[in-house]
Amino acid sequence: MYSSTITSKGQVTIPADLRQALDLQPGDKVAFEAIDHKILIFKKKDDISQAFGMFKVEKKILLKDIQKAIEKGYGDDRN
Protein backbone atom coordinates (compact mmCIF):
# COMPACT_ATOMS: atom_id res chain seq x y z
CA MET A 1 0.00 0.00 0.00
CA TYR A 2 1.22 3.50 -0.82
CA SER A 3 0.58 6.76 1.00
CA SER A 4 0.82 10.42 0.13
CA THR A 5 0.19 13.71 1.93
CA ILE A 6 -2.47 16.16 0.77
CA THR A 7 -1.05 19.66 0.24
CA SER A 8 -2.81 22.89 1.23
CA LYS A 9 -3.99 23.08 -2.41
CA GLY A 10 -5.56 19.60 -2.20
CA GLN A 11 -2.84 18.02 -4.33
CA VAL A 12 -1.31 14.59 -3.84
CA THR A 13 1.67 12.90 -5.45
CA ILE A 14 1.01 9.59 -7.19
CA PRO A 15 3.89 7.26 -6.30
CA ALA A 16 6.26 6.47 -9.17
CA ASP A 17 5.47 2.73 -9.13
CA LEU A 18 1.77 3.46 -9.62
CA ARG A 19 2.45 6.05 -12.34
CA GLN A 20 4.49 3.44 -14.19
CA ALA A 21 1.86 0.72 -13.69
CA LEU A 22 -0.83 2.99 -15.15
CA ASP A 23 1.51 4.48 -17.76
CA LEU A 24 0.75 7.97 -16.44
CA GLN A 25 2.81 10.67 -18.11
CA PRO A 26 3.06 14.41 -17.33
CA GLY A 27 0.01 16.11 -18.83
CA ASP A 28 -2.18 12.98 -18.77
CA LYS A 29 -5.70 13.36 -17.42
CA VAL A 30 -7.03 11.22 -14.60
CA ALA A 31 -10.53 10.69 -13.26
CA PHE A 32 -11.55 10.14 -9.65
CA GLU A 33 -14.46 8.17 -8.24
CA ALA A 34 -15.49 7.90 -4.59
CA ILE A 35 -16.90 4.53 -3.52
CA ASP A 36 -17.49 3.46 0.09
CA HIS A 37 -15.17 6.12 1.55
CA LYS A 38 -12.43 5.17 -0.91
CA ILE A 39 -11.09 7.15 -3.84
CA LEU A 40 -10.38 5.34 -7.09
CA ILE A 41 -8.18 6.94 -9.72
CA PHE A 42 -8.32 6.07 -13.42
CA LYS A 43 -6.29 7.18 -16.40
CA LYS A 44 -8.76 8.97 -18.67
CA LYS A 45 -8.97 7.60 -22.16
CA ASP A 46 -8.52 10.02 -25.03
CA ASP A 47 -11.67 11.69 -26.25
CA ILE A 48 -12.41 10.73 -29.86
CA SER A 49 -12.99 14.40 -30.68
CA GLN A 50 -9.25 14.97 -30.24
CA ALA A 51 -8.65 12.81 -33.33
CA PHE A 52 -10.68 15.01 -35.68
CA GLY A 53 -8.44 16.64 -38.25
CA MET A 54 -5.55 14.24 -37.69
CA PHE A 55 -6.10 12.32 -40.91
CA LYS A 56 -6.18 13.69 -44.43
CA VAL A 57 -9.33 12.88 -46.35
CA GLU A 58 -9.20 12.61 -50.13
CA LYS A 59 -12.92 13.14 -50.58
CA LYS A 60 -15.31 15.06 -48.38
CA ILE A 61 -18.30 13.07 -47.19
CA LEU A 62 -21.59 14.91 -47.15
CA LEU A 63 -24.22 14.43 -44.46
CA LYS A 64 -26.78 13.37 -47.08
CA ASP A 65 -24.40 10.60 -48.23
CA ILE A 66 -24.00 9.39 -44.66
CA GLN A 67 -27.77 9.36 -44.20
CA LYS A 68 -28.22 7.37 -47.44
CA ALA A 69 -25.63 4.83 -46.29
CA ILE A 70 -27.43 4.47 -42.96
CA GLU A 71 -30.76 3.95 -44.73
CA LYS A 72 -29.20 1.26 -46.93
CA GLY A 73 -27.82 -0.46 -43.84
CA TYR A 74 -24.13 -0.27 -44.73
CA GLY A 75 -22.04 -1.55 -41.89
CA ASP A 76 -24.95 -3.42 -40.34
CA ASP A 77 -23.90 -7.00 -39.64
CA ARG A 78 -27.48 -8.05 -38.96
CA ASN A 79 -28.37 -8.21 -42.69
PDB file of N, CA and C in Angstrom:
ATOM      1  N   MET A   1       0.852  -1.173   0.000  1.00  0.00           N
ATOM      2  CA  MET A   1       0.000   0.000   0.000  1.00  0.00           C
ATOM      3  C   MET A   1       0.896   1.234   0.000  1.00  0.00           C
ATOM      4  N   TYR A   2       0.468   2.247  -0.714  1.00  0.00           N
ATOM      5  CA  TYR A   2       1.216   3.497  -0.823  1.00  0.00           C
ATOM      6  C   TYR A   2       0.489   4.582  -0.044  1.00  0.00           C
ATOM      7  N   SER A   3       1.221   5.619   0.340  1.00  0.00           N
ATOM      8  CA  SER A   3       0.583   6.759   0.996  1.00  0.00           C
ATOM      9  C   SER A   3       1.171   8.046   0.441  1.00  0.00           C
ATOM     10  N   SER A   4       0.408   9.113   0.602  1.00  0.00           N
ATOM     11  CA  SER A   4       0.821  10.425   0.133  1.00  0.00           C
ATOM     12  C   SER A   4       0.165  11.456   1.037  1.00  0.00           C
ATOM     13  N   THR A   5       0.734  12.639   1.104  1.00  0.00           N
ATOM     14  CA  THR A   5       0.193  13.710   1.932  1.00  0.00           C
ATOM     15  C   THR A   5      -0.534  14.719   1.054  1.00  0.00           C
ATOM     16  N   ILE A   6      -1.696  15.160   1.501  1.00  0.00           N
ATOM     17  CA  ILE A   6      -2.470  16.165   0.767  1.00  0.00           C
ATOM     18  C   ILE A   6      -1.891  17.538   1.087  1.00  0.00           C
ATOM     19  N   THR A   7      -1.590  18.320   0.047  1.00  0.00           N
ATOM     20  CA  THR A   7      -1.049  19.663   0.244  1.00  0.00           C
ATOM     21  C   THR A   7      -2.176  20.635   0.589  1.00  0.00           C
ATOM     22  N   SER A   8      -1.805  21.866   0.915  1.00  0.00           N
ATOM     23  CA  SER A   8      -2.807  22.890   1.227  1.00  0.00           C
ATOM     24  C   SER A   8      -3.682  23.212   0.017  1.00  0.00           C
ATOM     25  N   LYS A   9      -3.210  22.869  -1.184  1.00  0.00           N
ATOM     26  CA  LYS A   9      -3.995  23.077  -2.408  1.00  0.00           C
ATOM     27  C   LYS A   9      -4.831  21.848  -2.766  1.00  0.00           C
ATOM     28  N   GLY A  10      -4.797  20.808  -1.925  1.00  0.00           N
ATOM     29  CA  GLY A  10      -5.559  19.596  -2.197  1.00  0.00           C
ATOM     30  C   GLY A  10      -4.866  18.653  -3.157  1.00  0.00           C
ATOM     31  N   GLN A  11      -3.589  18.857  -3.386  1.00  0.00           N
ATOM     32  CA  GLN A  11      -2.844  18.024  -4.329  1.00  0.00           C
ATOM     33  C   GLN A  11      -2.183  16.856  -3.612  1.00  0.00           C
ATOM     34  N   VAL A  12      -2.045  15.747  -4.348  1.00  0.00           N
ATOM     35  CA  VAL A  12      -1.309  14.590  -3.842  1.00  0.00           C
ATOM     36  C   VAL A  12      -0.331  14.142  -4.923  1.00  0.00           C
ATOM     37  N   THR A  13       0.710  13.466  -4.506  1.00  0.00           N
ATOM     38  CA  THR A  13       1.667  12.898  -5.447  1.00  0.00           C
ATOM     39  C   THR A  13       1.338  11.426  -5.632  1.00  0.00           C
ATOM     40  N   ILE A  14       1.225  11.001  -6.890  1.00  0.00           N
ATOM     41  CA  ILE A  14       1.007   9.587  -7.187  1.00  0.00           C
ATOM     42  C   ILE A  14       2.381   8.926  -7.189  1.00  0.00           C
ATOM     43  N   PRO A  15       2.578   7.903  -6.366  1.00  0.00           N
ATOM     44  CA  PRO A  15       3.890   7.255  -6.296  1.00  0.00           C
ATOM     45  C   PRO A  15       4.362   6.762  -7.668  1.00  0.00           C
ATOM     46  N   ALA A  16       5.669   6.819  -7.881  1.00  0.00           N
ATOM     47  CA  ALA A  16       6.263   6.472  -9.173  1.00  0.00           C
ATOM     48  C   ALA A  16       5.870   5.072  -9.642  1.00  0.00           C
ATOM     49  N   ASP A  17       5.845   4.094  -8.738  1.00  0.00           N
ATOM     50  CA  ASP A  17       5.473   2.726  -9.130  1.00  0.00           C
ATOM     51  C   ASP A  17       4.064   2.681  -9.710  1.00  0.00           C
ATOM     52  N   LEU A  18       3.144   3.433  -9.116  1.00  0.00           N
ATOM     53  CA  LEU A  18       1.766   3.460  -9.616  1.00  0.00           C
ATOM     54  C   LEU A  18       1.679   4.212 -10.937  1.00  0.00           C
ATOM     55  N   ARG A  19       2.434   5.310 -11.066  1.00  0.00           N
ATOM     56  CA  ARG A  19       2.449   6.046 -12.342  1.00  0.00           C
ATOM     57  C   ARG A  19       2.944   5.150 -13.464  1.00  0.00           C
ATOM     58  N   GLN A  20       3.968   4.364 -13.177  1.00  0.00           N
ATOM     59  CA  GLN A  20       4.493   3.444 -14.192  1.00  0.00           C
ATOM     60  C   GLN A  20       3.478   2.350 -14.511  1.00  0.00           C
ATOM     61  N   ALA A  21       2.834   1.802 -13.485  1.00  0.00           N
ATOM     62  CA  ALA A  21       1.862   0.722 -13.695  1.00  0.00           C
ATOM     63  C   ALA A  21       0.687   1.185 -14.548  1.00  0.00           C
ATOM     64  N   LEU A  22       0.290   2.450 -14.386  1.00  0.00           N
ATOM     65  CA  LEU A  22      -0.835   2.995 -15.153  1.00  0.00           C
ATOM     66  C   LEU A  22      -0.374   3.730 -16.404  1.00  0.00           C
ATOM     67  N   ASP A  23       0.924   3.742 -16.641  1.00  0.00           N
ATOM     68  CA  ASP A  23       1.511   4.482 -17.764  1.00  0.00           C
ATOM     69  C   ASP A  23       1.056   5.940 -17.752  1.00  0.00           C
ATOM     70  N   LEU A  24       1.115   6.560 -16.585  1.00  0.00           N
ATOM     71  CA  LEU A  24       0.750   7.974 -16.443  1.00  0.00           C
ATOM     72  C   LEU A  24       1.962   8.836 -16.773  1.00  0.00           C
ATOM     73  N   GLN A  25       1.753   9.771 -17.676  1.00  0.00           N
ATOM     74  CA  GLN A  25       2.810  10.674 -18.109  1.00  0.00           C
ATOM     75  C   GLN A  25       2.424  12.107 -17.742  1.00  0.00           C
ATOM     76  N   PRO A  26       3.400  13.007 -17.601  1.00  0.00           N
ATOM     77  CA  PRO A  26       3.061  14.408 -17.331  1.00  0.00           C
ATOM     78  C   PRO A  26       2.082  14.928 -18.381  1.00  0.00           C
ATOM     79  N   GLY A  27       1.030  15.572 -17.932  1.00  0.00           N
ATOM     80  CA  GLY A  27       0.012  16.110 -18.828  1.00  0.00           C
ATOM     81  C   GLY A  27      -1.173  15.184 -19.036  1.00  0.00           C
ATOM     82  N   ASP A  28      -1.048  13.895 -18.654  1.00  0.00           N
ATOM     83  CA  ASP A  28      -2.179  12.976 -18.772  1.00  0.00           C
ATOM     84  C   ASP A  28      -3.311  13.426 -17.858  1.00  0.00           C
ATOM     85  N   LYS A  29      -4.518  13.069 -18.228  1.00  0.00           N
ATOM     86  CA  LYS A  29      -5.696  13.364 -17.421  1.00  0.00           C
ATOM     87  C   LYS A  29      -6.074  12.119 -16.632  1.00  0.00           C
ATOM     88  N   VAL A  30      -6.538  12.314 -15.416  1.00  0.00           N
ATOM     89  CA  VAL A  30      -7.032  11.215 -14.597  1.00  0.00           C
ATOM     90  C   VAL A  30      -8.437  11.548 -14.119  1.00  0.00           C
ATOM     91  N   ALA A  31      -9.183  10.520 -13.784  1.00  0.00           N
ATOM     92  CA  ALA A  31     -10.533  10.686 -13.262  1.00  0.00           C
ATOM     93  C   ALA A  31     -10.570  10.067 -11.869  1.00  0.00           C
ATOM     94  N   PHE A  32     -11.405  10.630 -11.016  1.00  0.00           N
ATOM     95  CA  PHE A  32     -11.550  10.138  -9.654  1.00  0.00           C
ATOM     96  C   PHE A  32     -12.980   9.680  -9.435  1.00  0.00           C
ATOM     97  N   GLU A  33     -13.130   8.640  -8.612  1.00  0.00           N
ATOM     98  CA  GLU A  33     -14.457   8.172  -8.235  1.00  0.00           C
ATOM     99  C   GLU A  33     -14.410   7.793  -6.761  1.00  0.00           C
ATOM    100  N   ALA A  34     -15.412   8.234  -6.011  1.00  0.00           N
ATOM    101  CA  ALA A  34     -15.491   7.904  -4.589  1.00  0.00           C
ATOM    102  C   ALA A  34     -16.496   6.773  -4.399  1.00  0.00           C
ATOM    103  N   ILE A  35     -16.043   5.679  -3.790  1.00  0.00           N
ATOM    104  CA  ILE A  35     -16.902   4.527  -3.516  1.00  0.00           C
ATOM    105  C   ILE A  35     -16.601   4.038  -2.104  1.00  0.00           C
ATOM    106  N   ASP A  36     -17.635   3.983  -1.278  1.00  0.00           N
ATOM    107  CA  ASP A  36     -17.490   3.460   0.093  1.00  0.00           C
ATOM    108  C   ASP A  36     -16.306   4.079   0.835  1.00  0.00           C
ATOM    109  N   HIS A  37     -16.226   5.380   0.853  1.00  0.00           N
ATOM    110  CA  HIS A  37     -15.170   6.121   1.553  1.00  0.00           C
ATOM    111  C   HIS A  37     -13.775   5.824   1.009  1.00  0.00           C
ATOM    112  N   LYS A  38     -13.714   5.399  -0.250  1.00  0.00           N
ATOM    113  CA  LYS A  38     -12.435   5.168  -0.910  1.00  0.00           C
ATOM    114  C   LYS A  38     -12.415   5.998  -2.186  1.00  0.00           C
ATOM    115  N   ILE A  39     -11.234   6.398  -2.594  1.00  0.00           N
ATOM    116  CA  ILE A  39     -11.086   7.154  -3.837  1.00  0.00           C
ATOM    117  C   ILE A  39     -10.362   6.271  -4.847  1.00  0.00           C
ATOM    118  N   LEU A  40     -10.990   6.085  -5.993  1.00  0.00           N
ATOM    119  CA  LEU A  40     -10.377   5.336  -7.088  1.00  0.00           C
ATOM    120  C   LEU A  40      -9.869   6.340  -8.109  1.00  0.00           C
ATOM    121  N   ILE A  41      -8.733   6.051  -8.704  1.00  0.00           N
ATOM    122  CA  ILE A  41      -8.175   6.936  -9.722  1.00  0.00           C
ATOM    123  C   ILE A  41      -7.994   6.126 -11.008  1.00  0.00           C
ATOM    124  N   PHE A  42      -8.394   6.724 -12.121  1.00  0.00           N
ATOM    125  CA  PHE A  42      -8.319   6.069 -13.418  1.00  0.00           C
ATOM    126  C   PHE A  42      -7.614   6.985 -14.401  1.00  0.00           C
ATOM    127  N   LYS A  43      -6.843   6.403 -15.290  1.00  0.00           N
ATOM    128  CA  LYS A  43      -6.295   7.177 -16.398  1.00  0.00           C
ATOM    129  C   LYS A  43      -7.433   7.400 -17.379  1.00  0.00           C
ATOM    130  N   LYS A  44      -7.684   8.667 -17.724  1.00  0.00           N
ATOM    131  CA  LYS A  44      -8.756   8.968 -18.667  1.00  0.00           C
ATOM    132  C   LYS A  44      -8.322   8.564 -20.063  1.00  0.00           C
ATOM    133  N   LYS A  45      -9.235   7.957 -20.771  1.00  0.00           N
ATOM    134  CA  LYS A  45      -8.974   7.600 -22.160  1.00  0.00           C
ATOM    135  C   LYS A  45      -9.139   8.845 -23.012  1.00  0.00           C
ATOM    136  N   ASP A  46      -8.433   8.876 -24.135  1.00  0.00           N
ATOM    137  CA  ASP A  46      -8.522  10.020 -25.030  1.00  0.00           C
ATOM    138  C   ASP A  46      -9.929  10.162 -25.581  1.00  0.00           C
ATOM    139  N   ASP A  47     -10.373  11.375 -25.660  1.00  0.00           N
ATOM    140  CA  ASP A  47     -11.669  11.692 -26.249  1.00  0.00           C
ATOM    141  C   ASP A  47     -11.532  11.599 -27.762  1.00  0.00           C
ATOM    142  N   ILE A  48     -12.467  10.924 -28.412  1.00  0.00           N
ATOM    143  CA  ILE A  48     -12.413  10.735 -29.864  1.00  0.00           C
ATOM    144  C   ILE A  48     -12.386  12.072 -30.597  1.00  0.00           C
ATOM    145  N   SER A  49     -12.961  13.101 -30.005  1.00  0.00           N
ATOM    146  CA  SER A  49     -12.993  14.399 -30.681  1.00  0.00           C
ATOM    147  C   SER A  49     -11.588  14.969 -30.876  1.00  0.00           C
ATOM    148  N   GLN A  50     -10.627  14.502 -30.079  1.00  0.00           N
ATOM    149  CA  GLN A  50      -9.255  14.974 -30.242  1.00  0.00           C
ATOM    150  C   GLN A  50      -8.638  14.463 -31.538  1.00  0.00           C
ATOM    151  N   ALA A  51      -9.202  13.406 -32.108  1.00  0.00           N
ATOM    152  CA  ALA A  51      -8.652  12.814 -33.326  1.00  0.00           C
ATOM    153  C   ALA A  51      -9.122  13.524 -34.586  1.00  0.00           C
ATOM    154  N   PHE A  52     -10.181  14.332 -34.488  1.00  0.00           N
ATOM    155  CA  PHE A  52     -10.681  15.013 -35.676  1.00  0.00           C
ATOM    156  C   PHE A  52      -9.598  15.910 -36.260  1.00  0.00           C
ATOM    157  N   GLY A  53      -9.429  15.818 -37.570  1.00  0.00           N
ATOM    158  CA  GLY A  53      -8.443  16.640 -38.252  1.00  0.00           C
ATOM    159  C   GLY A  53      -7.058  16.029 -38.314  1.00  0.00           C
ATOM    160  N   MET A  54      -6.860  14.871 -37.689  1.00  0.00           N
ATOM    161  CA  MET A  54      -5.546  14.244 -37.690  1.00  0.00           C
ATOM    162  C   MET A  54      -5.244  13.540 -39.008  1.00  0.00           C
ATOM    163  N   PHE A  55      -6.289  13.106 -39.702  1.00  0.00           N
ATOM    164  CA  PHE A  55      -6.098  12.316 -40.912  1.00  0.00           C
ATOM    165  C   PHE A  55      -6.567  13.096 -42.125  1.00  0.00           C
ATOM    166  N   LYS A  56      -5.786  13.027 -43.187  1.00  0.00           N
ATOM    167  CA  LYS A  56      -6.177  13.693 -44.426  1.00  0.00           C
ATOM    168  C   LYS A  56      -7.250  12.863 -45.116  1.00  0.00           C
ATOM    169  N   VAL A  57      -8.236  13.549 -45.655  1.00  0.00           N
ATOM    170  CA  VAL A  57      -9.327  12.883 -46.352  1.00  0.00           C
ATOM    171  C   VAL A  57      -9.279  13.307 -47.808  1.00  0.00           C
ATOM    172  N   GLU A  58      -9.242  12.328 -48.696  1.00  0.00           N
ATOM    173  CA  GLU A  58      -9.197  12.614 -50.129  1.00  0.00           C
ATOM    174  C   GLU A  58     -10.505  13.232 -50.607  1.00  0.00           C
ATOM    175  N   LYS A  59     -11.612  12.705 -50.116  1.00  0.00           N
ATOM    176  CA  LYS A  59     -12.923  13.137 -50.581  1.00  0.00           C
ATOM    177  C   LYS A  59     -13.761  13.522 -49.374  1.00  0.00           C
ATOM    178  N   LYS A  60     -14.426  14.649 -49.466  1.00  0.00           N
ATOM    179  CA  LYS A  60     -15.311  15.060 -48.384  1.00  0.00           C
ATOM    180  C   LYS A  60     -16.581  14.228 -48.432  1.00  0.00           C
ATOM    181  N   ILE A  61     -17.066  13.846 -47.277  1.00  0.00           N
ATOM    182  CA  ILE A  61     -18.297  13.070 -47.187  1.00  0.00           C
ATOM    183  C   ILE A  61     -19.399  14.004 -46.717  1.00  0.00           C
ATOM    184  N   LEU A  62     -20.466  14.043 -47.473  1.00  0.00           N
ATOM    185  CA  LEU A  62     -21.589  14.913 -47.149  1.00  0.00           C
ATOM    186  C   LEU A  62     -22.558  14.197 -46.218  1.00  0.00           C
ATOM    187  N   LEU A  63     -23.249  14.985 -45.397  1.00  0.00           N
ATOM    188  CA  LEU A  63     -24.217  14.435 -44.459  1.00  0.00           C
ATOM    189  C   LEU A  63     -25.282  13.622 -45.183  1.00  0.00           C
ATOM    190  N   LYS A  64     -25.736  14.102 -46.339  1.00  0.00           N
ATOM    191  CA  LYS A  64     -26.778  13.374 -47.075  1.00  0.00           C
ATOM    192  C   LYS A  64     -26.270  11.999 -47.513  1.00  0.00           C
ATOM    193  N   ASP A  65     -24.973  11.892 -47.849  1.00  0.00           N
ATOM    194  CA  ASP A  65     -24.400  10.603 -48.231  1.00  0.00           C
ATOM    195  C   ASP A  65     -24.336   9.653 -47.033  1.00  0.00           C
ATOM    196  N   ILE A  66     -24.027  10.197 -45.881  1.00  0.00           N
ATOM    197  CA  ILE A  66     -23.997   9.391 -44.659  1.00  0.00           C
ATOM    198  C   ILE A  66     -25.394   8.876 -44.350  1.00  0.00           C
ATOM    199  N   GLN A  67     -26.393   9.760 -44.474  1.00  0.00           N
ATOM    200  CA  GLN A  67     -27.769   9.357 -44.202  1.00  0.00           C
ATOM    201  C   GLN A  67     -28.229   8.272 -45.170  1.00  0.00           C
ATOM    202  N   LYS A  68     -27.861   8.389 -46.447  1.00  0.00           N
ATOM    203  CA  LYS A  68     -28.220   7.369 -47.438  1.00  0.00           C
ATOM    204  C   LYS A  68     -27.586   6.027 -47.073  1.00  0.00           C
ATOM    205  N   ALA A  69     -26.328   6.063 -46.664  1.00  0.00           N
ATOM    206  CA  ALA A  69     -25.634   4.832 -46.286  1.00  0.00           C
ATOM    207  C   ALA A  69     -26.304   4.180 -45.084  1.00  0.00           C
ATOM    208  N   ILE A  70     -26.734   4.998 -44.138  1.00  0.00           N
ATOM    209  CA  ILE A  70     -27.431   4.471 -42.962  1.00  0.00           C
ATOM    210  C   ILE A  70     -28.738   3.822 -43.382  1.00  0.00           C
ATOM    211  N   GLU A  71     -29.481   4.493 -44.257  1.00  0.00           N
ATOM    212  CA  GLU A  71     -30.756   3.955 -44.731  1.00  0.00           C
ATOM    213  C   GLU A  71     -30.566   2.629 -45.462  1.00  0.00           C
ATOM    214  N   LYS A  72     -29.473   2.499 -46.204  1.00  0.00           N
ATOM    215  CA  LYS A  72     -29.201   1.258 -46.934  1.00  0.00           C
ATOM    216  C   LYS A  72     -28.694   0.156 -46.005  1.00  0.00           C
ATOM    217  N   GLY A  73     -28.284   0.535 -44.811  1.00  0.00           N
ATOM    218  CA  GLY A  73     -27.817  -0.455 -43.840  1.00  0.00           C
ATOM    219  C   GLY A  73     -26.364  -0.829 -43.974  1.00  0.00           C
ATOM    220  N   TYR A  74     -25.560   0.014 -44.621  1.00  0.00           N
ATOM    221  CA  TYR A  74     -24.132  -0.268 -44.731  1.00  0.00           C
ATOM    222  C   TYR A  74     -23.525  -0.387 -43.341  1.00  0.00           C
ATOM    223  N   GLY A  75     -22.713  -1.376 -43.165  1.00  0.00           N
ATOM    224  CA  GLY A  75     -22.037  -1.551 -41.885  1.00  0.00           C
ATOM    225  C   GLY A  75     -22.876  -2.302 -40.878  1.00  0.00           C
ATOM    226  N   ASP A  76     -24.081  -2.706 -41.259  1.00  0.00           N
ATOM    227  CA  ASP A  76     -24.954  -3.424 -40.337  1.00  0.00           C
ATOM    228  C   ASP A  76     -24.730  -4.915 -40.534  1.00  0.00           C
ATOM    229  N   ASP A  77     -24.188  -5.574 -39.541  1.00  0.00           N
ATOM    230  CA  ASP A  77     -23.896  -7.004 -39.637  1.00  0.00           C
ATOM    231  C   ASP A  77     -25.142  -7.868 -39.509  1.00  0.00           C
ATOM    232  N   ARG A  78     -26.261  -7.264 -39.174  1.00  0.00           N
ATOM    233  CA  ARG A  78     -27.478  -8.054 -38.959  1.00  0.00           C
ATOM    234  C   ARG A  78     -28.126  -8.471 -40.271  1.00  0.00           C
ATOM    235  N   ASN A  79     -27.758  -7.871 -41.398  1.00  0.00           N
ATOM    236  CA  ASN A  79     -28.374  -8.211 -42.693  1.00  0.00           C
ATOM    237  C   ASN A  79     -27.703  -9.405 -43.316  1.00  0.00           C
TER     238      ASN A  79
END
